[in-house]
PDB file of N, CA and C in Angstrom:
ATOM      1  N   MET A   1     -19.436 -18.585 -17.186  1.00  0.00           N
ATOM      2  CA  MET A   1     -19.321 -17.712 -15.701  1.00  0.00           C
ATOM      3  C   MET A   1     -20.897 -17.737 -15.253  1.00  0.00           C
ATOM      4  N   GLN A   2     -20.868 -17.952 -13.801  1.00  0.00           N
ATOM      5  CA  GLN A   2     -22.241 -16.991 -13.286  1.00  0.00           C
ATOM      6  C   GLN A   2     -22.837 -16.042 -13.489  1.00  0.00           C
ATOM      7  N   LEU A   3     -23.941 -15.383 -13.703  1.00  0.00           N
ATOM      8  CA  LEU A   3     -23.858 -13.738 -13.826  1.00  0.00           C
ATOM      9  C   LEU A   3     -24.094 -13.782 -12.775  1.00  0.00           C
ATOM     10  N   ARG A   4     -24.312 -14.045 -11.776  1.00  0.00           N
ATOM     11  CA  ARG A   4     -24.377 -13.107 -10.141  1.00  0.00           C
ATOM     12  C   ARG A   4     -22.678 -12.810  -9.736  1.00  0.00           C
ATOM     13  N   THR A   5     -21.872 -13.914 -10.420  1.00  0.00           N
ATOM     14  CA  THR A   5     -20.467 -13.451 -10.121  1.00  0.00           C
ATOM     15  C   THR A   5     -20.282 -12.057 -10.657  1.00  0.00           C
ATOM     16  N   LEU A   6     -20.778 -11.770 -11.709  1.00  0.00           N
ATOM     17  CA  LEU A   6     -20.302 -10.946 -12.898  1.00  0.00           C
ATOM     18  C   LEU A   6     -21.345  -9.845 -11.978  1.00  0.00           C
ATOM     19  N   ASP A   7     -22.524  -9.540 -11.392  1.00  0.00           N
ATOM     20  CA  ASP A   7     -23.147  -9.128 -10.352  1.00  0.00           C
ATOM     21  C   ASP A   7     -22.263  -8.546  -9.223  1.00  0.00           C
ATOM     22  N   LEU A   8     -21.700  -9.156  -8.740  1.00  0.00           N
ATOM     23  CA  LEU A   8     -21.189  -9.662  -7.544  1.00  0.00           C
ATOM     24  C   LEU A   8     -20.238  -8.474  -7.745  1.00  0.00           C
ATOM     25  N   ALA A   9     -19.273  -8.664  -8.349  1.00  0.00           N
ATOM     26  CA  ALA A   9     -18.005  -7.719  -9.363  1.00  0.00           C
ATOM     27  C   ALA A   9     -19.103  -6.831  -9.743  1.00  0.00           C
ATOM     28  N   LEU A  10     -19.862  -6.552 -10.147  1.00  0.00           N
ATOM     29  CA  LEU A  10     -19.888  -4.891  -9.792  1.00  0.00           C
ATOM     30  C   LEU A  10     -20.281  -3.991  -9.008  1.00  0.00           C
ATOM     31  N   THR A  11     -21.213  -5.275  -8.097  1.00  0.00           N
ATOM     32  CA  THR A  11     -21.586  -4.659  -6.623  1.00  0.00           C
ATOM     33  C   THR A  11     -20.413  -4.404  -6.354  1.00  0.00           C
ATOM     34  N   THR A  12     -19.474  -4.814  -6.201  1.00  0.00           N
ATOM     35  CA  THR A  12     -18.291  -4.561  -5.501  1.00  0.00           C
ATOM     36  C   THR A  12     -17.621  -3.585  -6.056  1.00  0.00           C
ATOM     37  N   GLN A  13     -17.496  -3.334  -7.242  1.00  0.00           N
ATOM     38  CA  GLN A  13     -16.843  -2.022  -7.974  1.00  0.00           C
ATOM     39  C   GLN A  13     -18.003  -1.048  -7.109  1.00  0.00           C
ATOM     40  N   ARG A  14     -18.852  -0.908  -7.120  1.00  0.00           N
ATOM     41  CA  ARG A  14     -19.695   0.389  -6.594  1.00  0.00           C
ATOM     42  C   ARG A  14     -19.021   0.663  -5.323  1.00  0.00           C
ATOM     43  N   ALA A  15     -19.034  -0.174  -4.644  1.00  0.00           N
ATOM     44  CA  ALA A  15     -18.598  -0.498  -2.740  1.00  0.00           C
ATOM     45  C   ALA A  15     -17.259   0.118  -3.342  1.00  0.00           C
ATOM     46  N   VAL A  16     -16.183  -0.144  -3.809  1.00  0.00           N
ATOM     47  CA  VAL A  16     -14.836   0.321  -4.094  1.00  0.00           C
ATOM     48  C   VAL A  16     -14.744   2.077  -4.130  1.00  0.00           C
ATOM     49  N   ALA A  17     -15.578   2.518  -5.679  1.00  0.00           N
ATOM     50  CA  ALA A  17     -14.923   3.269  -5.670  1.00  0.00           C
ATOM     51  C   ALA A  17     -15.990   4.520  -5.149  1.00  0.00           C
ATOM     52  N   PRO A  18     -16.332   4.346  -3.845  1.00  0.00           N
ATOM     53  CA  PRO A  18     -15.712   6.147  -3.393  1.00  0.00           C
ATOM     54  C   PRO A  18     -14.722   6.272  -2.781  1.00  0.00           C
ATOM     55  N   LEU A  19     -14.424   5.047  -1.532  1.00  0.00           N
ATOM     56  CA  LEU A  19     -13.236   4.889  -0.997  1.00  0.00           C
ATOM     57  C   LEU A  19     -11.898   5.390  -2.174  1.00  0.00           C
ATOM     58  N   VAL A  20     -11.627   5.228  -3.419  1.00  0.00           N
ATOM     59  CA  VAL A  20     -11.094   5.332  -4.665  1.00  0.00           C
ATOM     60  C   VAL A  20     -10.646   6.862  -4.834  1.00  0.00           C
ATOM     61  N   ARG A  21     -12.145   7.326  -4.462  1.00  0.00           N
ATOM     62  CA  ARG A  21     -12.361   8.842  -4.437  1.00  0.00           C
ATOM     63  C   ARG A  21     -11.307   9.876  -3.720  1.00  0.00           C
ATOM     64  N   ARG A  22     -11.605   9.228  -2.399  1.00  0.00           N
ATOM     65  CA  ARG A  22     -11.203   9.260  -1.487  1.00  0.00           C
ATOM     66  C   ARG A  22      -9.798   9.410  -1.302  1.00  0.00           C
ATOM     67  N   VAL A  23      -9.463   7.912  -1.863  1.00  0.00           N
ATOM     68  CA  VAL A  23      -7.378   7.850  -1.664  1.00  0.00           C
ATOM     69  C   VAL A  23      -6.901   8.705  -2.810  1.00  0.00           C
ATOM     70  N   GLN A  24      -7.863   9.542  -3.840  1.00  0.00           N
ATOM     71  CA  GLN A  24      -7.174  10.203  -5.077  1.00  0.00           C
ATOM     72  C   GLN A  24      -7.028  12.239  -3.900  1.00  0.00           C
ATOM     73  N   ARG A  25      -7.841  11.435  -2.938  1.00  0.00           N
ATOM     74  CA  ARG A  25      -7.021  13.165  -2.568  1.00  0.00           C
ATOM     75  C   ARG A  25      -5.938  13.154  -1.674  1.00  0.00           C
ATOM     76  N   HIS A  26      -5.305  11.503  -1.452  1.00  0.00           N
ATOM     77  CA  HIS A  26      -4.102  11.432  -0.610  1.00  0.00           C
ATOM     78  C   HIS A  26      -2.973  11.228  -1.851  1.00  0.00           C
ATOM     79  N   ASP A  27      -3.443  10.673  -2.348  1.00  0.00           N
ATOM     80  CA  ASP A  27      -1.806   9.326  -3.241  1.00  0.00           C
ATOM     81  C   ASP A  27      -3.101   9.088  -4.514  1.00  0.00           C
ATOM     82  N   ARG A  28      -2.369  10.399  -5.426  1.00  0.00           N
ATOM     83  CA  ARG A  28      -3.098   9.525  -6.828  1.00  0.00           C
ATOM     84  C   ARG A  28      -2.346   8.516  -7.647  1.00  0.00           C
ATOM     85  N   LYS A  29      -1.253   7.761  -6.733  1.00  0.00           N
ATOM     86  CA  LYS A  29      -0.720   6.802  -7.833  1.00  0.00           C
ATOM     87  C   LYS A  29      -1.452   5.373  -7.130  1.00  0.00           C
ATOM     88  N   LEU A  30      -1.600   5.613  -5.982  1.00  0.00           N
ATOM     89  CA  LEU A  30      -2.724   4.550  -5.308  1.00  0.00           C
ATOM     90  C   LEU A  30      -3.988   4.420  -5.845  1.00  0.00           C
ATOM     91  N   ALA A  31      -4.527   5.838  -6.023  1.00  0.00           N
ATOM     92  CA  ALA A  31      -5.989   5.923  -6.502  1.00  0.00           C
ATOM     93  C   ALA A  31      -6.016   5.206  -7.992  1.00  0.00           C
ATOM     94  N   GLN A  32      -4.886   5.509  -8.757  1.00  0.00           N
ATOM     95  CA  GLN A  32      -4.867   4.748 -10.198  1.00  0.00           C
ATOM     96  C   GLN A  32      -4.623   3.406  -9.818  1.00  0.00           C
ATOM     97  N   GLN A  33      -4.250   2.904  -9.398  1.00  0.00           N
ATOM     98  CA  GLN A  33      -3.702   1.881  -9.248  1.00  0.00           C
ATOM     99  C   GLN A  33      -5.046   0.856  -8.850  1.00  0.00           C
ATOM    100  N   LEU A  34      -5.089   0.916  -7.732  1.00  0.00           N
ATOM    101  CA  LEU A  34      -7.107   0.843  -7.240  1.00  0.00           C
ATOM    102  C   LEU A  34      -7.998   0.505  -8.682  1.00  0.00           C
ATOM    103  N   ARG A  35      -8.040   1.760  -8.718  1.00  0.00           N
ATOM    104  CA  ARG A  35      -8.715   1.878  -9.909  1.00  0.00           C
ATOM    105  C   ARG A  35      -8.476   0.857 -11.183  1.00  0.00           C
ATOM    106  N   ASP A  36      -7.667   0.891 -11.877  1.00  0.00           N
ATOM    107  CA  ASP A  36      -6.783  -0.441 -12.637  1.00  0.00           C
ATOM    108  C   ASP A  36      -7.476  -1.761 -12.524  1.00  0.00           C
ATOM    109  N   ALA A  37      -6.765  -2.105 -11.026  1.00  0.00           N
ATOM    110  CA  ALA A  37      -7.481  -3.397 -10.902  1.00  0.00           C
ATOM    111  C   ALA A  37      -8.910  -3.578 -10.337  1.00  0.00           C
ATOM    112  N   THR A  38      -9.522  -2.447  -9.875  1.00  0.00           N
ATOM    113  CA  THR A  38     -10.913  -3.060 -10.164  1.00  0.00           C
ATOM    114  C   THR A  38     -11.421  -3.136 -11.606  1.00  0.00           C
ATOM    115  N   ASN A  39     -10.228  -2.137 -12.590  1.00  0.00           N
ATOM    116  CA  ASN A  39     -11.313  -2.583 -13.368  1.00  0.00           C
ATOM    117  C   ASN A  39     -11.015  -3.647 -14.368  1.00  0.00           C
ATOM    118  N   SER A  40      -9.597  -4.232 -13.766  1.00  0.00           N
ATOM    119  CA  SER A  40      -8.735  -5.308 -14.194  1.00  0.00           C
ATOM    120  C   SER A  40      -9.869  -6.827 -13.921  1.00  0.00           C
ATOM    121  N   PHE A  41     -10.570  -6.375 -12.675  1.00  0.00           N
ATOM    122  CA  PHE A  41     -11.775  -8.084 -11.872  1.00  0.00           C
ATOM    123  C   PHE A  41     -12.892  -8.164 -12.643  1.00  0.00           C
ATOM    124  N   VAL A  42     -12.943  -6.788 -12.970  1.00  0.00           N
ATOM    125  CA  VAL A  42     -14.852  -6.897 -13.605  1.00  0.00           C
ATOM    126  C   VAL A  42     -14.236  -7.276 -15.154  1.00  0.00           C
ATOM    127  N   LEU A  43     -13.572  -6.720 -15.731  1.00  0.00           N
ATOM    128  CA  LEU A  43     -12.968  -6.718 -17.061  1.00  0.00           C
ATOM    129  C   LEU A  43     -12.804  -8.527 -17.306  1.00  0.00           C
ATOM    130  N   ASN A  44     -12.037  -8.951 -16.471  1.00  0.00           N
ATOM    131  CA  ASN A  44     -11.345 -10.164 -17.000  1.00  0.00           C
ATOM    132  C   ASN A  44     -12.355 -11.209 -16.434  1.00  0.00           C
ATOM    133  N   LEU A  45     -13.159 -10.805 -15.568  1.00  0.00           N
ATOM    134  CA  LEU A  45     -14.261 -11.737 -15.355  1.00  0.00           C
ATOM    135  C   LEU A  45     -15.780 -12.128 -16.795  1.00  0.00           C
ATOM    136  N   GLY A  46     -15.243 -10.676 -17.173  1.00  0.00           N
ATOM    137  CA  GLY A  46     -16.237 -10.706 -18.322  1.00  0.00           C
ATOM    138  C   GLY A  46     -16.143 -11.287 -19.775  1.00  0.00           C
ATOM    139  N   GLU A  47     -14.320 -11.071 -19.587  1.00  0.00           N
ATOM    140  CA  GLU A  47     -13.798 -11.477 -21.146  1.00  0.00           C
ATOM    141  C   GLU A  47     -13.724 -13.103 -20.488  1.00  0.00           C
ATOM    142  N   GLY A  48     -13.516 -13.912 -19.095  1.00  0.00           N
ATOM    143  CA  GLY A  48     -13.676 -15.321 -19.214  1.00  0.00           C
ATOM    144  C   GLY A  48     -14.983 -15.577 -19.502  1.00  0.00           C
ATOM    145  N   ALA A  49     -16.057 -15.310 -19.202  1.00  0.00           N
ATOM    146  CA  ALA A  49     -17.754 -16.022 -19.084  1.00  0.00           C
ATOM    147  C   ALA A  49     -17.173 -16.326 -20.818  1.00  0.00           C
ATOM    148  N   TYR A  50     -16.264 -15.781 -22.106  1.00  0.00           N
ATOM    149  CA  TYR A  50     -16.768 -15.989 -23.476  1.00  0.00           C
ATOM    150  C   TYR A  50     -15.515 -16.780 -23.692  1.00  0.00           C
ATOM    151  N   SER A  51     -15.083 -16.926 -23.233  1.00  0.00           N
ATOM    152  CA  SER A  51     -13.195 -17.625 -23.466  1.00  0.00           C
ATOM    153  C   SER A  51     -13.463 -19.358 -23.576  1.00  0.00           C
ATOM    154  N   ASP A  52     -12.392 -19.993 -24.690  1.00  0.00           N
ATOM    155  CA  ASP A  52     -12.703 -21.115 -23.959  1.00  0.00           C
ATOM    156  C   ASP A  52     -12.282 -21.642 -22.645  1.00  0.00           C
ATOM    157  N   LEU A  53     -12.221 -23.040 -22.284  1.00  0.00           N
ATOM    158  CA  LEU A  53     -11.609 -23.702 -21.252  1.00  0.00           C
ATOM    159  C   LEU A  53     -11.255 -23.088 -20.194  1.00  0.00           C
ATOM    160  N   GLY A  54      -9.879 -23.131 -20.979  1.00  0.00           N
ATOM    161  CA  GLY A  54      -8.246 -23.290 -20.510  1.00  0.00           C
ATOM    162  C   GLY A  54      -7.813 -21.786 -20.365  1.00  0.00           C
ATOM    163  N   THR A  55      -8.317 -20.704 -21.364  1.00  0.00           N
ATOM    164  CA  THR A  55      -8.383 -18.955 -21.234  1.00  0.00           C
ATOM    165  C   THR A  55      -9.376 -18.536 -20.164  1.00  0.00           C
ATOM    166  N   ARG A  56     -10.764 -19.186 -19.988  1.00  0.00           N
ATOM    167  CA  ARG A  56     -11.563 -18.499 -19.257  1.00  0.00           C
ATOM    168  C   ARG A  56     -10.555 -18.605 -17.913  1.00  0.00           C
ATOM    169  N   ARG A  57     -10.419 -19.987 -17.416  1.00  0.00           N
ATOM    170  CA  ARG A  57      -9.571 -20.090 -15.782  1.00  0.00           C
ATOM    171  C   ARG A  57      -8.898 -19.036 -15.806  1.00  0.00           C
ATOM    172  N   ALA A  58      -7.663 -19.342 -16.695  1.00  0.00           N
ATOM    173  CA  ALA A  58      -6.894 -17.979 -16.334  1.00  0.00           C
ATOM    174  C   ALA A  58      -7.109 -17.150 -16.541  1.00  0.00           C
ATOM    175  N   ARG A  59      -8.538 -16.596 -17.012  1.00  0.00           N
ATOM    176  CA  ARG A  59      -9.127 -14.848 -17.174  1.00  0.00           C
ATOM    177  C   ARG A  59      -9.339 -14.724 -15.587  1.00  0.00           C
ATOM    178  N   TYR A  60     -10.345 -15.809 -14.862  1.00  0.00           N
ATOM    179  CA  TYR A  60     -10.501 -16.012 -13.651  1.00  0.00           C
ATOM    180  C   TYR A  60      -9.792 -15.904 -12.468  1.00  0.00           C
ATOM    181  N   GLN A  61      -8.739 -16.287 -12.765  1.00  0.00           N
ATOM    182  CA  GLN A  61      -7.747 -16.325 -12.282  1.00  0.00           C
ATOM    183  C   GLN A  61      -7.197 -14.951 -12.184  1.00  0.00           C
ATOM    184  N   SER A  62      -6.938 -14.362 -12.991  1.00  0.00           N
ATOM    185  CA  SER A  62      -6.551 -12.915 -12.931  1.00  0.00           C
ATOM    186  C   SER A  62      -7.606 -11.911 -12.347  1.00  0.00           C
ATOM    187  N   SER A  63      -9.058 -12.076 -12.723  1.00  0.00           N
ATOM    188  CA  SER A  63      -9.746 -11.412 -11.708  1.00  0.00           C
ATOM    189  C   SER A  63      -9.577 -11.696  -9.974  1.00  0.00           C
ATOM    190  N   ALA A  64      -9.166 -12.789  -9.852  1.00  0.00           N
ATOM    191  CA  ALA A  64      -8.949 -12.996  -8.440  1.00  0.00           C
ATOM    192  C   ALA A  64      -8.044 -12.464  -8.056  1.00  0.00           C
ATOM    193  N   GLY A  65      -6.841 -11.644  -8.676  1.00  0.00           N
ATOM    194  CA  GLY A  65      -5.567 -11.565  -8.438  1.00  0.00           C
ATOM    195  C   GLY A  65      -5.698 -10.065  -8.521  1.00  0.00           C
ATOM    196  N   SER A  66      -6.800  -9.342  -8.936  1.00  0.00           N
ATOM    197  CA  SER A  66      -7.133  -8.490  -9.214  1.00  0.00           C
ATOM    198  C   SER A  66      -7.641  -7.843  -7.957  1.00  0.00           C
ATOM    199  N   ALA A  67      -8.771  -8.919  -8.038  1.00  0.00           N
ATOM    200  CA  ALA A  67      -9.231  -8.214  -6.604  1.00  0.00           C
ATOM    201  C   ALA A  67      -9.095  -8.477  -4.967  1.00  0.00           C
ATOM    202  N   SER A  68      -7.797  -9.267  -4.875  1.00  0.00           N
ATOM    203  CA  SER A  68      -6.668  -9.235  -4.471  1.00  0.00           C
ATOM    204  C   SER A  68      -5.905  -8.185  -3.874  1.00  0.00           C
ATOM    205  N   GLU A  69      -5.884  -7.479  -5.362  1.00  0.00           N
ATOM    206  CA  GLU A  69      -4.115  -6.223  -5.438  1.00  0.00           C
ATOM    207  C   GLU A  69      -5.574  -5.123  -4.881  1.00  0.00           C
ATOM    208  N   VAL A  70      -6.706  -5.362  -4.655  1.00  0.00           N
ATOM    209  CA  VAL A  70      -7.540  -4.322  -4.793  1.00  0.00           C
ATOM    210  C   VAL A  70      -7.886  -4.167  -3.055  1.00  0.00           C
ATOM    211  N   ARG A  71      -8.563  -5.304  -2.683  1.00  0.00           N
ATOM    212  CA  ARG A  71      -7.925  -5.935  -1.014  1.00  0.00           C
ATOM    213  C   ARG A  71      -6.930  -4.691  -0.153  1.00  0.00           C
ATOM    214  N   VAL A  72      -5.807  -5.559  -0.376  1.00  0.00           N
ATOM    215  CA  VAL A  72      -4.484  -5.564   0.080  1.00  0.00           C
ATOM    216  C   VAL A  72      -4.433  -3.527   0.036  1.00  0.00           C
ATOM    217  N   GLY A  73      -4.018  -2.943  -1.316  1.00  0.00           N
ATOM    218  CA  GLY A  73      -4.349  -1.465  -1.333  1.00  0.00           C
ATOM    219  C   GLY A  73      -5.570  -1.226  -0.540  1.00  0.00           C
ATOM    220  N   LEU A  74      -6.866  -1.242  -0.416  1.00  0.00           N
ATOM    221  CA  LEU A  74      -7.795  -0.844   0.373  1.00  0.00           C
ATOM    222  C   LEU A  74      -7.283  -1.146   2.371  1.00  0.00           C
ATOM    223  N   LEU A  75      -6.420  -2.137   2.251  1.00  0.00           N
ATOM    224  CA  LEU A  75      -5.950  -2.277   3.865  1.00  0.00           C
ATOM    225  C   LEU A  75      -5.279  -1.408   3.541  1.00  0.00           C
ATOM    226  N   ALA A  76      -3.924  -0.882   2.899  1.00  0.00           N
ATOM    227  CA  ALA A  76      -3.188   0.113   2.547  1.00  0.00           C
ATOM    228  C   ALA A  76      -3.278   1.602   2.833  1.00  0.00           C
ATOM    229  N   ALA A  77      -4.473   1.592   2.368  1.00  0.00           N
ATOM    230  CA  ALA A  77      -4.723   2.879   2.567  1.00  0.00           C
ATOM    231  C   ALA A  77      -5.087   3.195   3.927  1.00  0.00           C
ATOM    232  N   VAL A  78      -6.217   2.215   4.915  1.00  0.00           N
ATOM    233  CA  VAL A  78      -6.364   2.301   6.120  1.00  0.00           C
ATOM    234  C   VAL A  78      -4.845   2.671   6.893  1.00  0.00           C
ATOM    235  N   GLY A  79      -3.874   1.882   6.429  1.00  0.00           N
ATOM    236  CA  GLY A  79      -2.565   2.093   6.823  1.00  0.00           C
ATOM    237  C   GLY A  79      -2.123   3.669   6.517  1.00  0.00           C
ATOM    238  N   TRP A  80      -2.092   4.289   5.941  1.00  0.00           N
ATOM    239  CA  TRP A  80      -1.841   5.392   5.792  1.00  0.00           C
ATOM    240  C   TRP A  80      -3.061   6.152   6.072  1.00  0.00           C
ATOM    241  N   GLY A  81      -3.895   5.752   6.571  1.00  0.00           N
ATOM    242  CA  GLY A  81      -4.970   6.815   7.213  1.00  0.00           C
ATOM    243  C   GLY A  81      -5.952   7.763   6.632  1.00  0.00           C
ATOM    244  N   TYR A  82      -5.821   6.886   5.763  1.00  0.00           N
ATOM    245  CA  TYR A  82      -6.402   8.210   3.903  1.00  0.00           C
ATOM    246  C   TYR A  82      -8.105   7.416   4.660  1.00  0.00           C
ATOM    247  N   PHE A  83      -8.413   6.671   5.178  1.00  0.00           N
ATOM    248  CA  PHE A  83     -10.043   6.156   5.967  1.00  0.00           C
ATOM    249  C   PHE A  83      -9.891   5.836   7.075  1.00  0.00           C
ATOM    250  N   ASP A  84     -11.081   4.966   8.148  1.00  0.00           N
ATOM    251  CA  ASP A  84     -10.364   3.954   9.148  1.00  0.00           C
ATOM    252  C   ASP A  84     -11.215   2.571   8.137  1.00  0.00           C
ATOM    253  N   GLN A  85     -10.318   1.643   8.915  1.00  0.00           N
ATOM    254  CA  GLN A  85     -11.396   0.303   8.369  1.00  0.00           C
ATOM    255  C   GLN A  85     -12.722  -0.159   8.396  1.00  0.00           C
ATOM    256  N   ALA A  86     -13.091   0.783   9.312  1.00  0.00           N
ATOM    257  CA  ALA A  86     -14.606   0.733   9.361  1.00  0.00           C
ATOM    258  C   ALA A  86     -15.291   1.341   8.026  1.00  0.00           C
ATOM    259  N   ASP A  87     -15.135   2.506   7.790  1.00  0.00           N
ATOM    260  CA  ASP A  87     -15.221   2.820   6.463  1.00  0.00           C
ATOM    261  C   ASP A  87     -15.029   1.852   5.179  1.00  0.00           C
ATOM    262  N   ALA A  88     -13.582   1.283   4.869  1.00  0.00           N
ATOM    263  CA  ALA A  88     -13.671   0.141   4.011  1.00  0.00           C
ATOM    264  C   ALA A  88     -14.806  -1.507   4.612  1.00  0.00           C
ATOM    265  N   HIS A  89     -15.314  -0.714   5.741  1.00  0.00           N
ATOM    266  CA  HIS A  89     -16.136  -2.944   5.850  1.00  0.00           C
ATOM    267  C   HIS A  89     -16.519  -3.287   4.620  1.00  0.00           C
ATOM    268  N   GLU A  90     -17.753  -2.634   4.331  1.00  0.00           N
ATOM    269  CA  GLU A  90     -18.889  -2.875   3.268  1.00  0.00           C
ATOM    270  C   GLU A  90     -17.709  -4.000   2.009  1.00  0.00           C
ATOM    271  N   ALA A  91     -16.918  -2.469   1.659  1.00  0.00           N
ATOM    272  CA  ALA A  91     -16.169  -2.863   0.534  1.00  0.00           C
ATOM    273  C   ALA A  91     -14.795  -3.910   0.690  1.00  0.00           C
ATOM    274  N   LEU A  92     -13.994  -4.646   1.600  1.00  0.00           N
ATOM    275  CA  LEU A  92     -13.754  -5.210   2.080  1.00  0.00           C
ATOM    276  C   LEU A  92     -14.906  -6.778   2.078  1.00  0.00           C
ATOM    277  N   SER A  93     -15.551  -6.849   2.339  1.00  0.00           N
ATOM    278  CA  SER A  93     -16.853  -8.044   2.478  1.00  0.00           C
ATOM    279  C   SER A  93     -17.205  -8.163   1.642  1.00  0.00           C
ATOM    280  N   GLN A  94     -17.215  -7.526   0.646  1.00  0.00           N
ATOM    281  CA  GLN A  94     -18.086  -7.548  -0.936  1.00  0.00           C
ATOM    282  C   GLN A  94     -16.726  -8.095  -1.696  1.00  0.00           C
ATOM    283  N   LEU A  95     -15.510  -7.734  -1.193  1.00  0.00           N
ATOM    284  CA  LEU A  95     -14.425  -8.510  -1.871  1.00  0.00           C
ATOM    285  C   LEU A  95     -14.055  -9.619  -1.824  1.00  0.00           C
ATOM    286  N   ASP A  96     -13.750  -9.699  -0.094  1.00  0.00           N
ATOM    287  CA  ASP A  96     -14.349 -11.087  -0.184  1.00  0.00           C
ATOM    288  C   ASP A  96     -15.494 -12.163  -0.135  1.00  0.00           C
ATOM    289  N   HIS A  97     -16.510 -11.658  -0.423  1.00  0.00           N
ATOM    290  CA  HIS A  97     -17.111 -12.936  -0.820  1.00  0.00           C
ATOM    291  C   HIS A  97     -16.856 -13.142  -2.816  1.00  0.00           C
ATOM    292  N   LEU A  98     -16.481 -11.171  -3.145  1.00  0.00           N
ATOM    293  CA  LEU A  98     -16.118 -11.851  -4.661  1.00  0.00           C
ATOM    294  C   LEU A  98     -15.041 -12.807  -5.036  1.00  0.00           C
ATOM    295  N   LEU A  99     -14.095 -12.610  -3.709  1.00  0.00           N
ATOM    296  CA  LEU A  99     -12.784 -13.685  -3.812  1.00  0.00           C
ATOM    297  C   LEU A  99     -13.368 -14.575  -3.576  1.00  0.00           C
ATOM    298  N   ALA A 100     -14.232 -15.323  -2.865  1.00  0.00           N
ATOM    299  CA  ALA A 100     -14.347 -16.399  -2.846  1.00  0.00           C
ATOM    300  C   ALA A 100     -15.368 -17.597  -3.617  1.00  0.00           C
ATOM    301  N   SER A 101     -16.611 -16.259  -4.391  1.00  0.00           N
ATOM    302  CA  SER A 101     -16.761 -16.840  -5.659  1.00  0.00           C
ATOM    303  C   SER A 101     -15.924 -17.524  -6.931  1.00  0.00           C
ATOM    304  N   LEU A 102     -15.006 -16.320  -7.018  1.00  0.00           N
ATOM    305  CA  LEU A 102     -13.990 -16.440  -7.834  1.00  0.00           C
ATOM    306  C   LEU A 102     -13.422 -18.220  -7.755  1.00  0.00           C
ATOM    307  N   TRP A 103     -12.618 -18.719  -6.491  1.00  0.00           N
ATOM    308  CA  TRP A 103     -12.196 -19.213  -5.974  1.00  0.00           C
ATOM    309  C   TRP A 103     -12.812 -20.907  -6.217  1.00  0.00           C
ATOM    310  N   LYS A 104     -14.228 -20.537  -6.390  1.00  0.00           N
ATOM    311  CA  LYS A 104     -14.762 -21.634  -6.850  1.00  0.00           C
ATOM    312  C   LYS A 104     -15.364 -22.161  -8.185  1.00  0.00           C
ATOM    313  N   LEU A 105     -14.837 -20.179  -9.000  1.00  0.00           N
ATOM    314  CA  LEU A 105     -14.711 -21.017 -10.235  1.00  0.00           C
ATOM    315  C   LEU A 105     -13.337 -21.599 -11.177  1.00  0.00           C
ATOM    316  N   THR A 106     -12.324 -21.449 -10.172  1.00  0.00           N
ATOM    317  CA  THR A 106     -10.867 -21.916 -10.784  1.00  0.00           C
ATOM    318  C   THR A 106     -10.478 -23.039  -9.949  1.00  0.00           C
ATOM    319  N   HIS A 107     -11.730 -23.822  -8.766  1.00  0.00           N
ATOM    320  CA  HIS A 107     -11.178 -24.649  -8.462  1.00  0.00           C
ATOM    321  C   HIS A 107     -12.212 -25.987  -8.418  1.00  0.00           C
TER     322      HIS A 107
END
């Protein structure tokens, strides 16, 4: 794993965190799912870094799936009116960048 991909995942986590706190005020279940999926994309990326080749790819794919889940969860929060899409712009942009990086690691 490229160290910069893990750094990107941690930067993305920091961009997502304040939005999750805002969702928490309205929807505890969605906020928990966003936290779990965010932890998942970071932790699967870290686990994959020290796994054998086949497991590594599976962990990176799991990381990508969780990052996508967070992206869609943030869009759902916009749909519910918990915040505007402009408020989520930075986090969504970071998630897109992370997903592109994970794609390169798995294909």
